[in-house]
Amino acid sequence: TGVKIHAFSVMPNHAHMVVTDHETKARLPDFLRIYHSLVALALGRI
């Protein structure tokens, strides 16, 4: 998506991050959809 990640931390029951969206296109919704989906699918298997 081209979203820039400045900082993130993952706690036992939540996650924080500071990000900046793509410079010319609003891609944050796509970024979050990909990120949340991958984490959910992987943790479901693990």
All heavy atoms as atom14 arrays in JSON, in Angstrom:
{
  "sequence": "TGVKIHAFSVMPNHAHMVVTDHETKARLPDFLRIYHSLVALALGRI",
  "atom14_mask": [
    [1, 1, 1, 1, 1, 1, 1, 0, 0, 0, 0, 0, 0, 0],
    [1, 1, 1, 1, 0, 0, 0, 0, 0, 0, 0, 0, 0, 0],
    [1, 1, 1, 1, 1, 1, 1, 0, 0, 0, 0, 0, 0, 0],
    [1, 1, 1, 1, 1, 1, 1, 1, 1, 0, 0, 0, 0, 0],
    [1, 1, 1, 1, 1, 1, 1, 1, 0, 0, 0, 0, 0, 0],
    [1, 1, 1, 1, 1, 1, 1, 1, 1, 1, 0, 0, 0, 0],
    [1, 1, 1, 1, 1, 0, 0, 0, 0, 0, 0, 0, 0, 0],
    [1, 1, 1, 1, 1, 1, 1, 1, 1, 1, 1, 0, 0, 0],
    [1, 1, 1, 1, 1, 1, 0, 0, 0, 0, 0, 0, 0, 0],
    [1, 1, 1, 1, 1, 1, 1, 0, 0, 0, 0, 0, 0, 0],
    [1, 1, 1, 1, 1, 1, 1, 1, 0, 0, 0, 0, 0, 0],
    [1, 1, 1, 1, 1, 1, 1, 0, 0, 0, 0, 0, 0, 0],
    [1, 1, 1, 1, 1, 1, 1, 1, 0, 0, 0, 0, 0, 0],
    [1, 1, 1, 1, 1, 1, 1, 1, 1, 1, 0, 0, 0, 0],
    [1, 1, 1, 1, 1, 0, 0, 0, 0, 0, 0, 0, 0, 0],
    [1, 1, 1, 1, 1, 1, 1, 1, 1, 1, 0, 0, 0, 0],
    [1, 1, 1, 1, 1, 1, 1, 1, 0, 0, 0, 0, 0, 0],
    [1, 1, 1, 1, 1, 1, 1, 0, 0, 0, 0, 0, 0, 0],
    [1, 1, 1, 1, 1, 1, 1, 0, 0, 0, 0, 0, 0, 0],
    [1, 1, 1, 1, 1, 1, 1, 0, 0, 0, 0, 0, 0, 0],
    [1, 1, 1, 1, 1, 1, 1, 1, 0, 0, 0, 0, 0, 0],
    [1, 1, 1, 1, 1, 1, 1, 1, 1, 1, 0, 0, 0, 0],
    [1, 1, 1, 1, 1, 1, 1, 1, 1, 0, 0, 0, 0, 0],
    [1, 1, 1, 1, 1, 1, 1, 0, 0, 0, 0, 0, 0, 0],
    [1, 1, 1, 1, 1, 1, 1, 1, 1, 0, 0, 0, 0, 0],
    [1, 1, 1, 1, 1, 0, 0, 0, 0, 0, 0, 0, 0, 0],
    [1, 1, 1, 1, 1, 1, 1, 1, 1, 1, 1, 0, 0, 0],
    [1, 1, 1, 1, 1, 1, 1, 1, 0, 0, 0, 0, 0, 0],
    [1, 1, 1, 1, 1, 1, 1, 0, 0, 0, 0, 0, 0, 0],
    [1, 1, 1, 1, 1, 1, 1, 1, 0, 0, 0, 0, 0, 0],
    [1, 1, 1, 1, 1, 1, 1, 1, 1, 1, 1, 0, 0, 0],
    [1, 1, 1, 1, 1, 1, 1, 1, 0, 0, 0, 0, 0, 0],
    [1, 1, 1, 1, 1, 1, 1, 1, 1, 1, 1, 0, 0, 0],
    [1, 1, 1, 1, 1, 1, 1, 1, 0, 0, 0, 0, 0, 0],
    [1, 1, 1, 1, 1, 1, 1, 1, 1, 1, 1, 1, 0, 0],
    [1, 1, 1, 1, 1, 1, 1, 1, 1, 1, 0, 0, 0, 0],
    [1, 1, 1, 1, 1, 1, 0, 0, 0, 0, 0, 0, 0, 0],
    [1, 1, 1, 1, 1, 1, 1, 1, 0, 0, 0, 0, 0, 0],
    [1, 1, 1, 1, 1, 1, 1, 0, 0, 0, 0, 0, 0, 0],
    [1, 1, 1, 1, 1, 0, 0, 0, 0, 0, 0, 0, 0, 0],
    [1, 1, 1, 1, 1, 1, 1, 1, 0, 0, 0, 0, 0, 0],
    [1, 1, 1, 1, 1, 0, 0, 0, 0, 0, 0, 0, 0, 0],
    [1, 1, 1, 1, 1, 1, 1, 1, 0, 0, 0, 0, 0, 0],
    [1, 1, 1, 1, 0, 0, 0, 0, 0, 0, 0, 0, 0, 0],
    [1, 1, 1, 1, 1, 1, 1, 1, 1, 1, 1, 0, 0, 0],
    [1, 1, 1, 1, 1, 1, 1, 1, 0, 0, 0, 0, 0, 0]
  ],
  "atom14_positions": [
    [[0.79, -1.24, 0.0], [0.0, 0.0, 0.0], [0.82, 1.29, 0.0], [0.29, 2.35, -0.32], [-0.92, 0.03, 1.22], [-0.12, 0.04, 2.42], [-1.85, -1.18, 1.23], [0.0, 0.0, 0.0], [0.0, 0.0, 0.0], [0.0, 0.0, 0.0], [0.0, 0.0, 0.0], [0.0, 0.0, 0.0], [0.0, 0.0, 0.0], [0.0, 0.0, 0.0]],
    [[2.09, 1.21, 0.37], [2.89, 2.43, 0.45], [2.7, 3.21, 1.73], [3.18, 4.34, 1.85], [0.0, 0.0, 0.0], [0.0, 0.0, 0.0], [0.0, 0.0, 0.0], [0.0, 0.0, 0.0], [0.0, 0.0, 0.0], [0.0, 0.0, 0.0], [0.0, 0.0, 0.0], [0.0, 0.0, 0.0], [0.0, 0.0, 0.0], [0.0, 0.0, 0.0]],
    [[2.01, 2.63, 2.7], [1.84, 3.27, 4.01], [3.15, 3.16, 4.79], [3.79, 2.11, 4.8], [0.69, 2.61, 4.8], [0.66, 3.11, 6.24], [-0.64, 2.9, 4.12], [0.0, 0.0, 0.0], [0.0, 0.0, 0.0], [0.0, 0.0, 0.0], [0.0, 0.0, 0.0], [0.0, 0.0, 0.0], [0.0, 0.0, 0.0], [0.0, 0.0, 0.0]],
    [[3.57, 4.25, 5.43], [4.81, 4.27, 6.2], [4.52, 3.97, 7.67], [3.63, 4.57, 8.26], [5.5, 5.63, 6.07], [5.92, 5.98, 4.66], [6.54, 7.36, 4.62], [6.94, 7.74, 3.2], [7.51, 9.12, 3.15], [0.0, 0.0, 0.0], [0.0, 0.0, 0.0], [0.0, 0.0, 0.0], [0.0, 0.0, 0.0], [0.0, 0.0, 0.0]],
    [[5.3, 3.07, 8.24], [5.13, 2.7, 9.64], [6.23, 3.37, 10.45], [7.41, 3.06, 10.29], [5.2, 1.17, 9.83], [4.15, 0.49, 8.95], [4.99, 0.81, 11.3], [4.26, -1.02, 8.95], [0.0, 0.0, 0.0], [0.0, 0.0, 0.0], [0.0, 0.0, 0.0], [0.0, 0.0, 0.0], [0.0, 0.0, 0.0], [0.0, 0.0, 0.0]],
    [[5.86, 4.27, 11.35], [6.84, 4.97, 12.17], [7.18, 4.2, 13.45], [8.32, 4.18, 13.88], [6.32, 6.36, 12.54], [5.94, 7.19, 11.37], [6.86, 7.58, 10.4], [4.76, 7.69, 10.97], [6.24, 8.29, 9.49], [4.97, 8.37, 9.8], [0.0, 0.0, 0.0], [0.0, 0.0, 0.0], [0.0, 0.0, 0.0], [0.0, 0.0, 0.0]],
    [[6.17, 3.6, 14.06], [6.38, 2.85, 15.3], [5.2, 1.91, 15.51], [4.09, 2.21, 15.09], [6.52, 3.8, 16.48], [0.0, 0.0, 0.0], [0.0, 0.0, 0.0], [0.0, 0.0, 0.0], [0.0, 0.0, 0.0], [0.0, 0.0, 0.0], [0.0, 0.0, 0.0], [0.0, 0.0, 0.0], [0.0, 0.0, 0.0], [0.0, 0.0, 0.0]],
    [[5.47, 0.78, 16.17], [4.39, -0.14, 16.53], [4.8, -0.93, 17.75], [5.99, -1.12, 18.04], [4.05, -1.09, 15.38], [5.11, -2.12, 15.07], [5.11, -3.36, 15.7], [6.12, -1.85, 14.17], [6.09, -4.31, 15.43], [7.1, -2.79, 13.88], [7.09, -4.02, 14.51], [0.0, 0.0, 0.0], [0.0, 0.0, 0.0], [0.0, 0.0, 0.0]],
    [[3.82, -1.39, 18.49], [4.05, -2.29, 19.61], [2.84, -3.19, 19.76], [1.71, -2.76, 19.56], [4.31, -1.52, 20.92], [3.18, -0.76, 21.28], [0.0, 0.0, 0.0], [0.0, 0.0, 0.0], [0.0, 0.0, 0.0], [0.0, 0.0, 0.0], [0.0, 0.0, 0.0], [0.0, 0.0, 0.0], [0.0, 0.0, 0.0], [0.0, 0.0, 0.0]],
    [[3.11, -4.44, 20.1], [2.04, -5.43, 20.25], [1.99, -5.88, 21.7], [2.96, -6.42, 22.23], [2.28, -6.65, 19.32], [1.16, -7.67, 19.5], [2.38, -6.2, 17.87], [0.0, 0.0, 0.0], [0.0, 0.0, 0.0], [0.0, 0.0, 0.0], [0.0, 0.0, 0.0], [0.0, 0.0, 0.0], [0.0, 0.0, 0.0], [0.0, 0.0, 0.0]],
    [[0.86, -5.64, 22.34], [0.63, -6.03, 23.72], [-0.15, -7.35, 23.73], [-0.64, -7.8, 22.68], [-0.15, -4.93, 24.42], [0.55, -3.58, 24.39], [1.99, -3.53, 25.46], [1.18, -3.41, 27.06], [0.0, 0.0, 0.0], [0.0, 0.0, 0.0], [0.0, 0.0, 0.0], [0.0, 0.0, 0.0], [0.0, 0.0, 0.0], [0.0, 0.0, 0.0]],
    [[-0.31, -8.0, 24.88], [-1.0, -9.29, 24.91], [-2.42, -9.27, 24.34], [-2.88, -10.27, 23.79], [-1.0, -9.64, 26.4], [0.23, -8.99, 26.93], [0.32, -7.69, 26.18], [0.0, 0.0, 0.0], [0.0, 0.0, 0.0], [0.0, 0.0, 0.0], [0.0, 0.0, 0.0], [0.0, 0.0, 0.0], [0.0, 0.0, 0.0], [0.0, 0.0, 0.0]],
    [[-3.13, -8.13, 24.49], [-4.51, -8.11, 24.0], [-4.84, -6.91, 23.1], [-6.01, -6.63, 22.83], [-5.5, -8.16, 25.17], [-5.4, -6.93, 26.05], [-4.51, -6.1, 25.9], [-6.32, -6.83, 26.99], [0.0, 0.0, 0.0], [0.0, 0.0, 0.0], [0.0, 0.0, 0.0], [0.0, 0.0, 0.0], [0.0, 0.0, 0.0], [0.0, 0.0, 0.0]],
    [[-3.82, -6.19, 22.64], [-4.06, -5.1, 21.69], [-2.75, -4.7, 21.02], [-1.66, -5.13, 21.45], [-4.7, -3.88, 22.38], [-3.81, -3.21, 23.39], [-3.66, -3.67, 24.67], [-3.04, -2.1, 23.3], [-2.83, -2.89, 25.33], [-2.43, -1.92, 24.51], [0.0, 0.0, 0.0], [0.0, 0.0, 0.0], [0.0, 0.0, 0.0], [0.0, 0.0, 0.0]],
    [[-2.85, -3.89, 19.99], [-1.67, -3.44, 19.26], [-1.81, -1.96, 18.92], [-2.9, -1.49, 18.59], [-1.48, -4.26, 17.99], [0.0, 0.0, 0.0], [0.0, 0.0, 0.0], [0.0, 0.0, 0.0], [0.0, 0.0, 0.0], [0.0, 0.0, 0.0], [0.0, 0.0, 0.0], [0.0, 0.0, 0.0], [0.0, 0.0, 0.0], [0.0, 0.0, 0.0]],
    [[-0.7, -1.24, 19.01], [-0.65, 0.18, 18.67], [0.29, 0.38, 17.48], [1.27, -0.36, 17.33], [-0.1, 1.02, 19.83], [-0.95, 1.03, 21.05], [-2.24, 1.52, 21.07], [-0.69, 0.63, 22.33], [-2.73, 1.43, 22.3], [-1.82, 0.88, 23.07], [0.0, 0.0, 0.0], [0.0, 0.0, 0.0], [0.0, 0.0, 0.0], [0.0, 0.0, 0.0]],
    [[0.04, 1.42, 16.7], [0.99, 1.82, 15.68], [0.77, 3.28, 15.29], [-0.34, 3.81, 15.44], [0.88, 0.92, 14.45], [-0.36, 1.13, 13.61], [-0.38, 0.07, 12.14], [-0.89, -1.48, 12.89], [0.0, 0.0, 0.0], [0.0, 0.0, 0.0], [0.0, 0.0, 0.0], [0.0, 0.0, 0.0], [0.0, 0.0, 0.0], [0.0, 0.0, 0.0]],
    [[1.84, 3.9, 14.82], [1.79, 5.24, 14.25], [2.21, 5.12, 12.8], [3.32, 4.64, 12.52], [2.71, 6.22, 15.0], [2.67, 7.61, 14.35], [2.32, 6.32, 16.47], [0.0, 0.0, 0.0], [0.0, 0.0, 0.0], [0.0, 0.0, 0.0], [0.0, 0.0, 0.0], [0.0, 0.0, 0.0], [0.0, 0.0, 0.0], [0.0, 0.0, 0.0]],
    [[1.34, 5.51, 11.89], [1.6, 5.33, 10.46], [1.23, 6.6, 9.7], [0.43, 7.41, 10.17], [0.81, 4.14, 9.88], [1.15, 2.85, 10.6], [-0.7, 4.41, 9.96], [0.0, 0.0, 0.0], [0.0, 0.0, 0.0], [0.0, 0.0, 0.0], [0.0, 0.0, 0.0], [0.0, 0.0, 0.0], [0.0, 0.0, 0.0], [0.0, 0.0, 0.0]],
    [[1.83, 6.76, 8.51], [1.46, 7.84, 7.61], [0.99, 7.24, 6.3], [1.67, 6.38, 5.72], [2.65, 8.78, 7.35], [3.01, 9.44, 8.58], [2.29, 9.86, 6.32], [0.0, 0.0, 0.0], [0.0, 0.0, 0.0], [0.0, 0.0, 0.0], [0.0, 0.0, 0.0], [0.0, 0.0, 0.0], [0.0, 0.0, 0.0], [0.0, 0.0, 0.0]],
    [[-0.16, 7.7, 5.84], [-0.77, 7.16, 4.63], [0.06, 7.5, 3.4], [0.94, 8.36, 3.42], [-2.19, 7.71, 4.47], [-3.11, 6.75, 3.72], [-2.6, 5.85, 3.04], [-4.34, 6.93, 3.82], [0.0, 0.0, 0.0], [0.0, 0.0, 0.0], [0.0, 0.0, 0.0], [0.0, 0.0, 0.0], [0.0, 0.0, 0.0], [0.0, 0.0, 0.0]],
    [[-0.24, 6.8, 2.3], [0.41, 7.03, 1.01], [0.34, 8.51, 0.64], [-0.64, 9.19, 0.96], [-0.27, 6.17, -0.05], [0.46, 6.12, -1.35], [0.38, 7.13, -2.29], [1.28, 5.18, -1.89], [1.11, 6.81, -3.34], [1.68, 5.64, -3.12], [0.0, 0.0, 0.0], [0.0, 0.0, 0.0], [0.0, 0.0, 0.0], [0.0, 0.0, 0.0]],
    [[1.38, 9.0, -0.02], [1.46, 10.43, -0.3], [0.41, 10.93, -1.29], [-0.01, 12.09, -1.21], [2.87, 10.78, -0.82], [3.96, 10.54, 0.21], [5.33, 10.85, -0.34], [5.41, 11.23, -1.53], [6.32, 10.73, 0.41], [0.0, 0.0, 0.0], [0.0, 0.0, 0.0], [0.0, 0.0, 0.0], [0.0, 0.0, 0.0], [0.0, 0.0, 0.0]],
    [[0.0, 10.09, -2.22], [-0.94, 10.55, -3.25], [-2.28, 9.83, -3.24], [-3.23, 10.29, -3.85], [-0.32, 10.4, -4.65], [0.0, 9.01, -4.88], [0.95, 11.23, -4.77], [0.0, 0.0, 0.0], [0.0, 0.0, 0.0], [0.0, 0.0, 0.0], [0.0, 0.0, 0.0], [0.0, 0.0, 0.0], [0.0, 0.0, 0.0], [0.0, 0.0, 0.0]],
    [[-2.35, 8.69, -2.56], [-3.59, 7.93, -2.49], [-3.88, 7.54, -1.04], [-2.96, 7.19, -0.3], [-3.5, 6.66, -3.35], [-3.25, 6.9, -4.83], [-3.15, 5.59, -5.57], [-2.87, 5.8, -7.05], [-2.74, 4.51, -7.78], [0.0, 0.0, 0.0], [0.0, 0.0, 0.0], [0.0, 0.0, 0.0], [0.0, 0.0, 0.0], [0.0, 0.0, 0.0]],
    [[-5.13, 7.58, -0.66], [-5.53, 7.17, 0.69], [-5.6, 5.64, 0.73], [-6.58, 5.05, 0.27], [-6.87, 7.78, 1.06], [0.0, 0.0, 0.0], [0.0, 0.0, 0.0], [0.0, 0.0, 0.0], [0.0, 0.0, 0.0], [0.0, 0.0, 0.0], [0.0, 0.0, 0.0], [0.0, 0.0, 0.0], [0.0, 0.0, 0.0], [0.0, 0.0, 0.0]],
    [[-4.56, 5.0, 1.27], [-4.49, 3.55, 1.27], [-4.6, 2.94, 2.67], [-4.41, 1.73, 2.81], [-3.16, 3.09, 0.64], [-2.94, 3.51, -0.79], [-3.96, 2.91, -1.73], [-4.05, 1.46, -1.63], [-3.23, 0.62, -2.29], [-2.28, 1.1, -3.07], [-3.37, -0.68, -2.18], [0.0, 0.0, 0.0], [0.0, 0.0, 0.0], [0.0, 0.0, 0.0]],
    [[-4.86, 3.76, 3.68], [-4.93, 3.22, 5.04], [-5.95, 2.09, 5.17], [-5.65, 1.07, 5.8], [-5.22, 4.32, 6.04], [-5.26, 3.84, 7.5], [-3.86, 3.48, 7.98], [-5.87, 4.9, 8.42], [0.0, 0.0, 0.0], [0.0, 0.0, 0.0], [0.0, 0.0, 0.0], [0.0, 0.0, 0.0], [0.0, 0.0, 0.0], [0.0, 0.0, 0.0]],
    [[-7.18, 2.21, 4.63], [-8.13, 1.1, 4.76], [-7.59, -0.2, 4.17], [-7.79, -1.28, 4.76], [-9.36, 1.6, 3.98], [-9.27, 3.09, 4.06], [-7.8, 3.39, 3.98], [0.0, 0.0, 0.0], [0.0, 0.0, 0.0], [0.0, 0.0, 0.0], [0.0, 0.0, 0.0], [0.0, 0.0, 0.0], [0.0, 0.0, 0.0], [0.0, 0.0, 0.0]],
    [[-6.91, -0.13, 3.01], [-6.32, -1.32, 2.41], [-5.2, -1.88, 3.29], [-5.07, -3.1, 3.47], [-5.78, -1.02, 1.02], [-6.88, -0.64, 0.04], [-8.0, -1.16, 0.19], [-6.62, 0.18, -0.85], [0.0, 0.0, 0.0], [0.0, 0.0, 0.0], [0.0, 0.0, 0.0], [0.0, 0.0, 0.0], [0.0, 0.0, 0.0], [0.0, 0.0, 0.0]],
    [[-4.38, -0.99, 3.83], [-3.29, -1.4, 4.71], [-3.83, -2.17, 5.92], [-3.34, -3.25, 6.26], [-2.51, -0.16, 5.17], [-1.53, -0.42, 6.28], [-0.26, -0.89, 6.0], [-1.89, -0.2, 7.61], [0.65, -1.12, 7.03], [-0.99, -0.43, 8.63], [0.28, -0.89, 8.34], [0.0, 0.0, 0.0], [0.0, 0.0, 0.0], [0.0, 0.0, 0.0]],
    [[-4.85, -1.62, 6.57], [-5.42, -2.26, 7.75], [-6.1, -3.57, 7.4], [-6.02, -4.55, 8.16], [-6.4, -1.32, 8.44], [-5.79, -0.05, 9.04], [-6.89, 0.83, 9.63], [-4.76, -0.4, 10.11], [0.0, 0.0, 0.0], [0.0, 0.0, 0.0], [0.0, 0.0, 0.0], [0.0, 0.0, 0.0], [0.0, 0.0, 0.0], [0.0, 0.0, 0.0]],
    [[-6.77, -3.62, 6.25], [-7.44, -4.86, 5.84], [-6.42, -5.98, 5.63], [-6.61, -7.11, 6.1], [-8.22, -4.62, 4.55], [-8.83, -5.88, 3.94], [-9.61, -5.56, 2.68], [-8.8, -4.82, 1.71], [-7.92, -5.38, 0.9], [-7.71, -6.69, 0.95], [-7.24, -4.65, 0.03], [0.0, 0.0, 0.0], [0.0, 0.0, 0.0], [0.0, 0.0, 0.0]],
    [[-5.32, -5.67, 4.95], [-4.29, -6.68, 4.71], [-3.64, -7.12, 6.02], [-3.49, -8.32, 6.29], [-3.23, -6.12, 3.74], [-3.85, -5.85, 2.37], [-2.05, -7.09, 3.61], [-2.95, -5.06, 1.44], [0.0, 0.0, 0.0], [0.0, 0.0, 0.0], [0.0, 0.0, 0.0], [0.0, 0.0, 0.0], [0.0, 0.0, 0.0], [0.0, 0.0, 0.0]],
    [[-3.27, -6.15, 6.82], [-2.59, -6.44, 8.09], [-3.47, -7.25, 9.03], [-3.06, -8.29, 9.56], [-2.17, -5.11, 8.73], [-1.98, -5.11, 10.21], [-1.02, -5.91, 10.82], [-2.75, -4.28, 11.03], [-0.85, -5.9, 12.19], [-2.57, -4.26, 12.4], [-1.63, -5.06, 12.97], [-1.45, -5.03, 14.33], [0.0, 0.0, 0.0], [0.0, 0.0, 0.0]],
    [[-4.7, -6.82, 9.24], [-5.59, -7.53, 10.16], [-5.93, -8.93, 9.64], [-6.02, -9.89, 10.43], [-6.88, -6.73, 10.37], [-6.67, -5.49, 11.18], [-7.3, -4.29, 10.9], [-5.9, -5.25, 12.27], [-6.92, -3.38, 11.78], [-6.07, -3.94, 12.62], [0.0, 0.0, 0.0], [0.0, 0.0, 0.0], [0.0, 0.0, 0.0], [0.0, 0.0, 0.0]],
    [[-6.13, -9.06, 8.34], [-6.47, -10.37, 7.76], [-5.33, -11.35, 7.91], [-5.53, -12.52, 8.29], [-6.85, -10.21, 6.29], [-8.0, -9.42, 6.13], [0.0, 0.0, 0.0], [0.0, 0.0, 0.0], [0.0, 0.0, 0.0], [0.0, 0.0, 0.0], [0.0, 0.0, 0.0], [0.0, 0.0, 0.0], [0.0, 0.0, 0.0], [0.0, 0.0, 0.0]],
    [[-4.1, -10.9, 7.61], [-2.94, -11.79, 7.71], [-2.72, -12.26, 9.14], [-2.45, -13.44, 9.39], [-1.69, -11.08, 7.19], [-1.59, -10.87, 5.69], [-0.36, -10.03, 5.34], [-1.52, -12.22, 4.97], [0.0, 0.0, 0.0], [0.0, 0.0, 0.0], [0.0, 0.0, 0.0], [0.0, 0.0, 0.0], [0.0, 0.0, 0.0], [0.0, 0.0, 0.0]],
    [[-2.84, -11.33, 10.09], [-2.66, -11.71, 11.5], [-3.73, -12.7, 11.93], [-3.43, -13.72, 12.59], [-2.7, -10.45, 12.39], [-2.76, -10.85, 13.87], [-1.49, -9.57, 12.14], [0.0, 0.0, 0.0], [0.0, 0.0, 0.0], [0.0, 0.0, 0.0], [0.0, 0.0, 0.0], [0.0, 0.0, 0.0], [0.0, 0.0, 0.0], [0.0, 0.0, 0.0]],
    [[-4.97, -12.45, 11.57], [-6.06, -13.35, 11.97], [-5.89, -14.74, 11.38], [-6.06, -15.75, 12.08], [-7.4, -12.75, 11.55], [0.0, 0.0, 0.0], [0.0, 0.0, 0.0], [0.0, 0.0, 0.0], [0.0, 0.0, 0.0], [0.0, 0.0, 0.0], [0.0, 0.0, 0.0], [0.0, 0.0, 0.0], [0.0, 0.0, 0.0], [0.0, 0.0, 0.0]],
    [[-5.55, -14.81, 10.1], [-5.38, -16.11, 9.45], [-4.21, -16.88, 10.05], [-4.31, -18.08, 10.32], [-5.17, -15.91, 7.95], [-6.39, -15.45, 7.15], [-5.98, -15.09, 5.72], [-7.46, -16.53, 7.14], [0.0, 0.0, 0.0], [0.0, 0.0, 0.0], [0.0, 0.0, 0.0], [0.0, 0.0, 0.0], [0.0, 0.0, 0.0], [0.0, 0.0, 0.0]],
    [[-3.09, -16.19, 10.26], [-1.91, -16.87, 10.79], [-2.11, -17.34, 12.22], [-1.76, -18.47, 12.57], [-0.7, -15.93, 10.7], [0.0, 0.0, 0.0], [0.0, 0.0, 0.0], [0.0, 0.0, 0.0], [0.0, 0.0, 0.0], [0.0, 0.0, 0.0], [0.0, 0.0, 0.0], [0.0, 0.0, 0.0], [0.0, 0.0, 0.0], [0.0, 0.0, 0.0]],
    [[-2.68, -16.47, 13.05], [-2.89, -16.88, 14.44], [-3.92, -17.99, 14.56], [-3.84, -18.83, 15.46], [-3.31, -15.68, 15.29], [-2.26, -14.58, 15.48], [-2.71, -13.6, 16.55], [-0.91, -15.16, 15.85], [0.0, 0.0, 0.0], [0.0, 0.0, 0.0], [0.0, 0.0, 0.0], [0.0, 0.0, 0.0], [0.0, 0.0, 0.0], [0.0, 0.0, 0.0]],
    [[-4.89, -18.0, 13.65], [-5.86, -19.09, 13.65], [-5.2, -20.43, 13.44], [-5.58, -21.44, 14.04], [0.0, 0.0, 0.0], [0.0, 0.0, 0.0], [0.0, 0.0, 0.0], [0.0, 0.0, 0.0], [0.0, 0.0, 0.0], [0.0, 0.0, 0.0], [0.0, 0.0, 0.0], [0.0, 0.0, 0.0], [0.0, 0.0, 0.0], [0.0, 0.0, 0.0]],
    [[-4.18, -20.45, 12.58], [-3.47, -21.7, 12.31], [-2.49, -22.05, 13.43], [-2.33, -23.21, 13.79], [-2.71, -21.58, 10.99], [-3.6, -21.4, 9.78], [-2.83, -21.52, 8.48], [-2.24, -22.84, 8.33], [-1.56, -23.24, 7.26], [-1.38, -22.39, 6.24], [-1.06, -24.44, 7.19], [0.0, 0.0, 0.0], [0.0, 0.0, 0.0], [0.0, 0.0, 0.0]],
    [[-1.84, -21.02, 13.98], [-0.84, -21.27, 15.03], [-1.5, -21.7, 16.34], [-1.08, -22.68, 16.97], [0.02, -20.01, 15.26], [0.87, -19.72, 14.03], [0.9, -20.17, 16.49], [1.62, -18.4, 14.12], [0.0, 0.0, 0.0], [0.0, 0.0, 0.0], [0.0, 0.0, 0.0], [0.0, 0.0, 0.0], [0.0, 0.0, 0.0], [0.0, 0.0, 0.0]]
  ]
}
